[in-house]
Amino acid sequence: MYAFRSRSRIVVTCAKGINPFLQEELEALGYGIINEFTAGLEIEGSMKDAMRLNLMLRTGSRVLFQLARFRAAGPDELYKEVKKLPWEDMLDVEGYFSITSSVLNENIKDTRFANLRCKDAIADRMTAKLGKRPNTGPELNAAVLFLHWREDECALYIDTSGEALSKRGYRYNPMMAPMTETLAAAVIMKTAWKGTDSFINPMCGSGTLAVEALMSALNMAGGIIRRNFGFMHITGFSKKDWSDMRNDALRVVKKEIKGRVIVSDHDERCLKAVEENAGYAGVEEYLDYQLCDFRDCAVPEGGGVVILNPEYGRRLGDENQLESVYGGIGDFFKAKCQGYRGYIFTGNMNLAKHVGLRTSSKTLFFNSKIECRLLEYELYKGTKKYQDKDEA
């Protein structure tokens, strides 16, 4: 019960570039920001708040609930400080736990050694108190602890997420080079699509952008599908509290949207993957499918968002061959997408120049370690002319 009895600092991590979108989400949920990091934000709350964040957030990666802060110059001091905590009141002696860490300390050459000293401290204390100890290992599907150690400053957290929150529980068929669910959610937030007009996703791949767009428009909580989180394996977790939270989230899910959501791809396997993934997410009924080259995708009147995530020429595809693809996207925008807001997500700004249209905005994101941009194009209908020769 120890971890569920008090409030503490909570760090919500995210991918680089997503902080502004995560902050928007946290503030909308009523949380004030205490600190900002390169890839995360810090707030205050209880373990019940941590549970709520795991359920509701779309752009966060992990929710870390702080247990203790202390100084430790080396591994022996780390062991002593970790052993002071009442692990017998937090971990199931018949259960399983794992430890992950981020360590920059001159006395630690391998982070696995820091993890081992933490594990030893916990196991020794629980054995002394209870006569036995939980199993431990690398799996992240039970109780997970996280150590953040910089020089002699240590912070120890319960990773209440366990597996990263990007693992929503619907993408069983990711296809090639997928965009993570949390990154896709941030991209959708940037487009500001709310479901009142159409959402067109040529080159749909496994459909992550379309599924995340639908989950957002239908007001489905980011973690509503997932069945396992780290906090479920901490002593004091209430199944009733969690059930009540989920039921509250389910009650506000919308049953319909006004706009059409169209996914297209020239590869039938992609459309089958989209159908499968959307089915697991519970949004398959809202999708229209088109088996065609992106240039032939039918775009309905009425405006909305059209978004493509073409190959970058780094991990997939050859850059020279992709020049005509990017040029074709520009032609597609001009010929078929007037009245829409056009978006291209790319990690290759040299290729983006071949689109031939001027961007109205360029938003920085990171897809894994690749620096990317979400390029926005206002595709005016009527009297306003296109501006060619994108200067991106």
Protein backbone atom coordinates (compact mmCIF):
# COMPACT_ATOMS: atom_id res chain seq x y z
CA MET A 1 0.00 0.00 0.00
CA TYR A 2 3.01 2.30 0.49
CA ALA A 3 3.09 3.71 -3.04
CA PHE A 4 -0.66 4.39 -3.11
CA ARG A 5 -0.75 6.37 0.14
CA SER A 6 0.97 9.60 -0.85
CA ARG A 7 1.52 12.17 -3.55
CA SER A 8 4.85 12.54 -5.30
CA ARG A 9 6.57 13.88 -8.37
CA ILE A 10 5.51 12.21 -11.63
CA VAL A 11 7.68 12.35 -14.74
CA VAL A 12 5.93 11.68 -18.03
CA THR A 13 8.44 10.92 -20.76
CA CYS A 14 7.93 11.35 -24.49
CA ALA A 15 9.87 11.29 -27.73
CA LYS A 16 11.97 14.33 -28.60
CA GLY A 17 9.88 17.07 -30.18
CA ILE A 18 6.61 15.95 -28.57
CA ASN A 19 6.86 18.02 -25.35
CA PRO A 20 4.45 20.77 -26.55
CA PHE A 21 1.77 18.22 -27.40
CA LEU A 22 2.25 16.31 -24.15
CA GLN A 23 2.01 19.58 -22.23
CA GLU A 24 -1.25 20.38 -23.99
CA GLU A 25 -2.63 17.00 -22.97
CA LEU A 26 -1.50 17.28 -19.34
CA GLU A 27 -2.91 20.75 -18.92
CA ALA A 28 -6.21 19.69 -20.50
CA LEU A 29 -6.39 16.94 -17.85
CA GLY A 30 -5.85 19.54 -15.13
CA TYR A 31 -2.16 19.06 -14.28
CA GLY A 32 0.31 21.91 -13.84
CA ILE A 33 3.83 21.54 -15.22
CA ILE A 34 6.62 21.72 -12.61
CA ASN A 35 9.66 20.99 -14.78
CA GLU A 36 10.42 20.41 -18.44
CA PHE A 37 13.09 18.08 -19.78
CA THR A 38 14.39 17.37 -23.27
CA ALA A 39 11.97 14.48 -23.63
CA GLY A 40 9.43 14.76 -20.86
CA LEU A 41 7.57 16.83 -18.29
CA GLU A 42 7.22 16.69 -14.51
CA ILE A 43 4.01 17.14 -12.53
CA GLU A 44 2.74 16.23 -9.05
CA GLY A 45 0.14 13.60 -8.26
CA SER A 46 -0.81 10.31 -6.66
CA MET A 47 -0.56 6.78 -7.97
CA LYS A 48 -4.22 7.10 -8.95
CA ASP A 49 -3.18 10.10 -11.08
CA ALA A 50 -0.48 7.92 -12.63
CA MET A 51 -3.14 5.31 -13.44
CA ARG A 52 -5.32 7.99 -15.04
CA LEU A 53 -2.41 9.30 -17.12
CA ASN A 54 -1.63 5.82 -18.44
CA LEU A 55 -5.25 5.50 -19.49
CA MET A 56 -5.79 8.93 -21.00
CA LEU A 57 -2.54 10.11 -22.60
CA ARG A 58 -1.91 9.78 -26.34
CA THR A 59 1.56 11.32 -26.69
CA GLY A 60 3.37 10.22 -23.51
CA SER A 61 5.81 7.30 -23.52
CA ARG A 62 6.05 6.36 -19.83
CA VAL A 63 4.59 7.56 -16.53
CA LEU A 64 7.23 7.44 -13.76
CA PHE A 65 6.11 7.79 -10.12
CA GLN A 66 8.96 8.96 -7.88
CA LEU A 67 9.67 6.84 -4.81
CA ALA A 68 12.81 8.50 -3.50
CA ARG A 69 15.64 10.92 -4.21
CA PHE A 70 19.04 10.45 -2.60
CA ARG A 71 22.77 10.85 -3.09
CA ALA A 72 25.01 7.95 -3.99
CA ALA A 73 28.60 8.30 -5.14
CA GLY A 74 28.96 4.65 -6.05
CA PRO A 75 27.27 1.24 -6.08
CA ASP A 76 27.62 0.56 -2.35
CA GLU A 77 25.85 3.79 -1.41
CA LEU A 78 23.19 3.00 -4.01
CA TYR A 79 22.61 -0.41 -2.42
CA LYS A 80 22.22 1.09 1.07
CA GLU A 81 19.75 3.76 -0.02
CA VAL A 82 17.60 1.39 -2.08
CA LYS A 83 17.48 -1.12 0.78
CA LYS A 84 15.95 1.51 3.08
CA LEU A 85 12.68 1.59 1.14
CA PRO A 86 9.75 -0.64 2.28
CA TRP A 87 9.71 -2.95 -0.70
CA GLU A 88 7.73 -5.54 1.24
CA ASP A 89 4.82 -3.06 1.12
CA MET A 90 5.12 -2.45 -2.64
CA LEU A 91 6.11 -5.68 -4.39
CA ASP A 92 4.37 -9.05 -4.39
CA VAL A 93 6.73 -11.61 -2.93
CA GLU A 94 5.22 -14.18 -5.31
CA GLY A 95 5.51 -11.82 -8.26
CA TYR A 96 8.14 -10.54 -10.65
CA PHE A 97 9.96 -7.23 -11.06
CA SER A 98 12.49 -5.68 -13.41
CA ILE A 99 14.79 -2.66 -13.23
CA THR A 100 15.77 -0.27 -16.00
CA SER A 101 18.05 2.72 -15.66
CA SER A 102 19.74 5.75 -17.14
CA VAL A 103 23.17 6.17 -15.51
CA LEU A 104 25.98 8.69 -15.93
CA ASN A 105 28.38 8.00 -13.05
CA GLU A 106 32.13 7.58 -13.29
CA ASN A 107 32.00 4.58 -10.95
CA ILE A 108 29.53 2.70 -13.15
CA LYS A 109 30.87 1.40 -16.44
CA ASP A 110 27.83 -0.74 -17.27
CA THR A 111 24.27 0.25 -16.35
CA ARG A 112 23.49 -3.42 -15.81
CA PHE A 113 25.68 -3.31 -12.70
CA ALA A 114 23.60 -0.45 -11.26
CA ASN A 115 20.47 -2.47 -12.01
CA LEU A 116 22.01 -5.49 -10.27
CA ARG A 117 22.82 -3.53 -7.12
CA CYS A 118 19.24 -2.24 -6.97
CA LYS A 119 17.90 -5.75 -7.47
CA ASP A 120 20.19 -7.10 -4.73
CA ALA A 121 19.07 -4.41 -2.29
CA ILE A 122 15.39 -5.15 -2.91
CA ALA A 123 15.84 -8.92 -2.79
CA ASP A 124 17.91 -8.77 0.41
CA ARG A 125 15.39 -6.55 2.20
CA MET A 126 12.40 -8.67 1.20
CA THR A 127 14.18 -11.89 2.15
CA ALA A 128 15.04 -10.42 5.57
CA LYS A 129 11.46 -9.21 6.13
CA LEU A 130 9.43 -12.01 4.55
CA GLY A 131 11.78 -14.95 4.19
CA LYS A 132 11.50 -14.96 0.40
CA ARG A 133 11.77 -12.60 -2.58
CA PRO A 134 10.10 -12.08 -5.98
CA ASN A 135 11.59 -13.31 -9.22
CA THR A 136 13.37 -10.77 -11.38
CA GLY A 137 14.60 -10.38 -14.95
CA PRO A 138 14.39 -8.22 -18.09
CA GLU A 139 10.67 -8.56 -18.88
CA LEU A 140 8.58 -5.37 -18.62
CA ASN A 141 5.18 -7.00 -18.23
CA ALA A 142 5.02 -6.89 -14.41
CA ALA A 143 6.39 -4.44 -11.78
CA VAL A 144 9.04 -2.17 -13.31
CA LEU A 145 11.41 0.20 -11.48
CA PHE A 146 13.49 2.93 -13.09
CA LEU A 147 16.73 4.44 -11.74
CA HIS A 148 17.87 7.86 -12.93
CA TRP A 149 21.46 8.48 -11.76
CA ARG A 150 23.57 11.53 -12.63
CA GLU A 151 26.94 11.86 -10.82
CA ASP A 152 25.84 11.44 -7.19
CA GLU A 153 22.16 12.42 -7.68
CA CYS A 154 19.74 9.51 -7.78
CA ALA A 155 16.00 9.32 -8.33
CA LEU A 156 14.17 6.03 -8.11
CA TYR A 157 10.75 5.58 -9.76
CA ILE A 158 8.03 3.05 -10.28
CA ASP A 159 7.53 2.85 -14.03
CA THR A 160 3.76 2.68 -13.84
CA SER A 161 3.51 2.02 -17.58
CA GLY A 162 5.75 -1.03 -17.78
CA GLU A 163 5.79 -1.43 -21.54
CA ALA A 164 5.92 1.92 -23.37
CA LEU A 165 2.55 3.61 -23.87
CA SER A 166 3.10 3.53 -27.62
CA LYS A 167 2.13 -0.14 -27.37
CA ARG A 168 -1.60 0.58 -27.39
CA GLY A 169 -2.58 -3.01 -28.02
CA TYR A 170 -4.04 -2.77 -31.53
CA ARG A 171 -1.11 -2.86 -33.94
CA TYR A 172 -0.54 -6.56 -34.47
CA ASN A 173 0.61 -6.02 -38.06
CA PRO A 174 3.05 -3.07 -38.21
CA MET A 175 4.28 -3.65 -41.79
CA MET A 176 7.58 -1.91 -42.65
CA ALA A 177 9.22 1.05 -40.86
CA PRO A 178 6.13 2.03 -38.88
CA MET A 179 5.48 5.30 -37.11
CA THR A 180 4.88 4.76 -33.39
CA GLU A 181 1.38 5.31 -32.09
CA THR A 182 2.45 8.16 -29.79
CA LEU A 183 4.26 9.97 -32.60
CA ALA A 184 1.24 9.52 -34.86
CA ALA A 185 -0.99 10.94 -32.11
CA ALA A 186 1.20 14.06 -31.85
CA VAL A 187 1.12 14.49 -35.63
CA ILE A 188 -2.68 14.27 -35.58
CA MET A 189 -2.80 16.88 -32.81
CA LYS A 190 -0.74 19.20 -35.01
CA THR A 191 -3.17 18.80 -37.92
CA ALA A 192 -6.03 19.76 -35.55
CA TRP A 193 -8.36 17.26 -37.27
CA LYS A 194 -11.49 16.78 -35.14
CA GLY A 195 -13.64 14.50 -37.32
CA THR A 196 -15.91 17.23 -38.70
CA ASP A 197 -14.50 16.92 -42.22
CA SER A 198 -12.58 14.30 -44.20
CA PHE A 199 -9.27 12.66 -43.32
CA ILE A 200 -7.40 11.22 -46.31
CA ASN A 201 -4.32 9.03 -45.83
CA PRO A 202 -2.74 7.78 -49.06
CA MET A 203 0.36 5.59 -48.61
CA CYS A 204 -1.37 4.42 -45.42
CA GLY A 205 1.02 1.59 -44.54
CA SER A 206 -0.29 -0.17 -41.44
CA GLY A 207 -2.81 2.62 -40.82
CA THR A 208 -1.38 4.07 -37.60
CA LEU A 209 -2.14 7.67 -38.59
CA ALA A 210 -5.73 6.86 -39.52
CA VAL A 211 -6.36 4.78 -36.39
CA GLU A 212 -4.92 7.46 -34.12
CA ALA A 213 -6.95 10.13 -35.93
CA LEU A 214 -10.13 8.13 -35.36
CA MET A 215 -9.35 7.41 -31.71
CA SER A 216 -8.85 11.13 -31.16
CA ALA A 217 -11.96 12.20 -33.07
CA LEU A 218 -14.07 9.59 -31.24
CA ASN A 219 -12.64 10.72 -27.88
CA MET A 220 -11.18 7.28 -27.15
CA ALA A 221 -8.56 7.33 -24.40
CA GLY A 222 -5.06 6.40 -25.56
CA GLY A 223 -4.80 3.38 -23.23
CA ILE A 224 -8.40 2.19 -23.38
CA ILE A 225 -7.58 -0.95 -25.39
CA ARG A 226 -4.54 -2.06 -23.44
CA ARG A 227 -4.93 -4.69 -20.73
CA ASN A 228 -1.64 -4.60 -18.80
CA PHE A 229 0.27 -1.76 -17.13
CA GLY A 230 3.09 -1.70 -14.59
CA PHE A 231 0.95 -0.16 -11.83
CA MET A 232 -1.27 -3.26 -11.83
CA HIS A 233 1.60 -5.20 -10.22
CA ILE A 234 2.22 -2.80 -7.32
CA THR A 235 0.75 -3.66 -3.91
CA GLY A 236 -2.29 -1.49 -3.27
CA PHE A 237 -3.59 -1.51 -6.83
CA SER A 238 -7.39 -1.55 -6.84
CA LYS A 239 -9.10 -3.34 -9.72
CA LYS A 240 -12.30 -1.47 -8.84
CA ASP A 241 -10.63 1.95 -9.11
CA TRP A 242 -9.22 0.97 -12.49
CA SER A 243 -12.55 -0.38 -13.69
CA ASP A 244 -14.27 2.84 -12.63
CA MET A 245 -11.69 4.91 -14.55
CA ARG A 246 -12.12 2.82 -17.68
CA ASN A 247 -15.88 2.98 -17.48
CA ASP A 248 -15.76 6.77 -17.10
CA ALA A 249 -13.56 6.94 -20.21
CA LEU A 250 -15.83 4.61 -22.17
CA ARG A 251 -18.93 6.68 -21.36
CA VAL A 252 -17.59 9.69 -23.25
CA VAL A 253 -16.59 7.83 -26.44
CA LYS A 254 -18.51 9.15 -29.44
CA LYS A 255 -20.50 6.82 -31.67
CA GLU A 256 -20.11 8.70 -34.95
CA ILE A 257 -18.13 11.37 -36.77
CA LYS A 258 -19.24 13.63 -39.62
CA GLY A 259 -16.20 13.32 -41.88
CA ARG A 260 -15.02 10.42 -44.03
CA VAL A 261 -11.76 8.63 -43.25
CA ILE A 262 -10.11 7.20 -46.36
CA VAL A 263 -6.98 5.05 -46.42
CA SER A 264 -5.31 4.04 -49.66
CA ASP A 265 -2.26 2.07 -50.69
CA HIS A 266 -1.07 0.29 -53.83
CA ASP A 267 -0.18 -2.79 -51.74
CA GLU A 268 -3.17 -4.94 -50.79
CA ARG A 269 -1.21 -6.29 -47.82
CA CYS A 270 -1.18 -2.82 -46.30
CA LEU A 271 -4.93 -2.47 -46.53
CA LYS A 272 -5.37 -5.88 -44.91
CA ALA A 273 -3.03 -4.76 -42.11
CA VAL A 274 -5.04 -1.56 -41.64
CA GLU A 275 -8.27 -3.53 -41.46
CA GLU A 276 -6.80 -5.89 -38.89
CA ASN A 277 -5.28 -3.15 -36.72
CA ALA A 278 -8.37 -0.94 -36.93
CA GLY A 279 -10.46 -3.92 -35.92
CA TYR A 280 -8.43 -4.44 -32.76
CA ALA A 281 -8.74 -0.71 -32.03
CA GLY A 282 -12.50 -0.82 -32.50
CA VAL A 283 -12.59 1.77 -35.30
CA GLU A 284 -12.70 -0.40 -38.44
CA GLU A 285 -16.31 0.53 -39.26
CA TYR A 286 -15.33 4.18 -39.83
CA LEU A 287 -12.73 3.48 -42.55
CA ASP A 288 -13.07 3.56 -46.33
CA TYR A 289 -10.43 1.59 -48.27
CA GLN A 290 -8.98 2.28 -51.70
CA LEU A 291 -6.49 -0.07 -53.40
CA CYS A 292 -4.60 2.30 -55.70
CA ASP A 293 -1.54 4.43 -56.25
CA PHE A 294 -1.67 7.61 -54.18
CA ARG A 295 -2.10 9.67 -57.36
CA ASP A 296 -5.39 7.86 -58.03
CA CYS A 297 -6.84 8.23 -54.54
CA ALA A 298 -10.37 9.65 -54.73
CA VAL A 299 -10.68 12.79 -52.61
CA PRO A 300 -14.22 13.90 -51.69
CA GLU A 301 -15.41 17.49 -51.78
CA GLY A 302 -15.72 19.44 -48.56
CA GLY A 303 -12.12 19.78 -47.42
CA GLY A 304 -10.31 18.39 -44.44
CA VAL A 305 -6.84 16.87 -43.96
CA VAL A 306 -4.81 14.86 -46.44
CA ILE A 307 -1.59 13.42 -45.05
CA LEU A 308 1.17 11.24 -46.47
CA ASN A 309 4.18 9.61 -44.84
CA PRO A 310 6.40 8.70 -47.81
CA GLU A 311 9.73 6.89 -47.64
CA TYR A 312 12.72 9.05 -46.65
CA GLY A 313 15.42 7.42 -48.77
CA ARG A 314 17.41 6.56 -45.62
CA ARG A 315 16.02 3.33 -44.22
CA LEU A 316 13.74 2.53 -47.15
CA GLY A 317 13.89 3.43 -50.80
CA ASP A 318 16.49 5.10 -52.96
CA GLU A 319 16.63 8.91 -52.78
CA ASN A 320 17.00 9.42 -56.52
CA GLN A 321 14.02 7.22 -57.28
CA LEU A 322 11.97 9.01 -54.63
CA GLU A 323 12.35 12.45 -56.22
CA SER A 324 9.54 11.67 -58.66
CA VAL A 325 7.38 10.36 -55.80
CA TYR A 326 7.65 13.64 -53.90
CA GLY A 327 7.01 15.56 -57.10
CA GLY A 328 3.96 13.39 -57.65
CA ILE A 329 2.66 14.27 -54.18
CA GLY A 330 2.84 17.95 -55.11
CA ASP A 331 0.93 17.26 -58.33
CA PHE A 332 -1.65 15.21 -56.40
CA PHE A 333 -2.14 18.06 -53.93
CA LYS A 334 -2.65 20.60 -56.71
CA ALA A 335 -4.90 18.43 -58.86
CA LYS A 336 -7.14 16.73 -56.32
CA CYS A 337 -6.84 18.30 -52.88
CA GLN A 338 -7.94 21.89 -53.29
CA GLY A 339 -9.69 23.12 -50.18
CA TYR A 340 -7.77 20.67 -47.95
CA ARG A 341 -4.86 21.12 -45.58
CA GLY A 342 -2.07 18.96 -46.99
CA TYR A 343 0.64 17.36 -44.84
CA ILE A 344 3.80 15.40 -45.59
CA PHE A 345 5.74 13.71 -42.78
CA THR A 346 9.32 13.20 -43.90
CA GLY A 347 12.85 12.76 -42.66
CA ASN A 348 14.40 14.05 -45.88
CA MET A 349 14.11 17.78 -46.55
CA ASN A 350 16.05 17.49 -49.81
CA LEU A 351 13.34 15.25 -51.18
CA ALA A 352 10.67 17.58 -49.80
CA LYS A 353 11.90 20.33 -52.14
CA HIS A 354 10.62 18.26 -55.07
CA VAL A 355 7.03 18.71 -53.87
CA GLY A 356 7.15 22.11 -55.56
CA LEU A 357 4.81 23.90 -53.15
CA ARG A 358 5.55 26.42 -50.44
CA THR A 359 4.95 25.19 -46.89
CA SER A 360 2.81 27.14 -44.45
CA SER A 361 4.46 25.46 -41.44
CA LYS A 362 7.24 22.98 -40.62
CA THR A 363 7.02 21.16 -37.30
CA LEU A 364 10.03 19.28 -35.89
CA PHE A 365 9.54 15.66 -34.82
CA PHE A 366 11.84 12.68 -34.35
CA ASN A 367 11.03 9.24 -35.72
CA SER A 368 13.34 7.15 -33.60
CA LYS A 369 16.67 8.98 -34.11
CA ILE A 370 15.75 10.48 -37.48
CA GLU A 371 15.05 14.22 -37.42
CA CYS A 372 11.81 14.74 -39.30
CA ARG A 373 9.41 17.50 -40.25
CA LEU A 374 5.66 17.62 -40.61
CA LEU A 375 5.21 19.93 -43.58
CA GLU A 376 1.89 21.72 -43.95
CA TYR A 377 0.51 23.06 -47.24
CA GLU A 378 -2.59 25.22 -47.55
CA LEU A 379 -4.23 23.92 -50.71
CA TYR A 380 -6.40 26.88 -51.57
CA LYS A 381 -9.55 26.47 -53.58
CA GLY A 382 -10.77 29.23 -55.85
CA THR A 383 -8.99 32.50 -56.39
CA LYS A 384 -5.76 32.10 -54.40
CA LYS A 385 -2.93 30.65 -56.51
CA TYR A 386 -0.39 28.09 -55.45
CA GLN A 387 3.09 29.28 -54.60
CA ASP A 388 5.66 27.01 -56.18
CA LYS A 389 9.29 26.32 -55.36
CA ASP A 390 9.15 25.34 -51.71
CA GLU A 391 12.07 26.92 -49.88
CA ALA A 392 12.15 24.25 -47.14
